């Protein structure tokens, strides 16, 4: 529609204008510095001539926005990579069209960073307590959100929790590490649910890759996976429900 095209054009002009303003401010400051410097020759000083307008390709980046886009890909018999028509945008947890990604990448002022593919089924580990960036990224991509029942906090804003607590004295005392820093002992928990798990009777374990079973302080069990949360022990049908007044 015409209104949508006007909005897109206005947004592009606004982004370019932001960069142009920054460029002109820097350019004018440099010209002012040159004009105030004393000349060494005996010729009379001349005012600095205005420079030509900067080309669009010379403009600095107006802003930097980092988006994490995940697109399914496959291979043909000839080894050609084929991408699916839709992808998933982590910011906002929504779907997007591949044509949108193409339009973003086609902008001459866009800087594209392609990260290596991480196998979500691989078992990565380290002997240290701190989680390396590669393992952290794997856990974030696997869990997508906080894995506490019904929590939807994005994984990139969560802590990486050791499901079984890491023992800092195990190596010094010659004991095996009960809570190693490895894929099957790590999960994403937001700060509030991380504290809840640490300081209360809530407990959980990983039954399979990316699938967790939680137990509440009252003994109720919940299953959490990529499809959401489900109760493993629904209320007993023999117990009558309280009547509404």
Foldseek 3Di string as FASTA:
>chain_A
DVVVVVVVVVVVVVQLVLQQVVVVVVVVVVLVVVQPDDDPDPDDDDRDDDDDRDDSLPGAGNDDDDKDKAWDWDADPVGDIDTDQKIFILVVGDIDGVVVVVVQVPDSNDDDDDDDDDDLQDKDFDQDPDADPNLLVSQQVFQQAAQDAPGRHGQVQFDKDFLPDFDPCQVVVVHDTPGGGIQQRIHTHHPVVNVCCVPHPKHWHAPDRQWMWIADPVGWIWITHPVGIDTPDPDDPVDDDDDDD
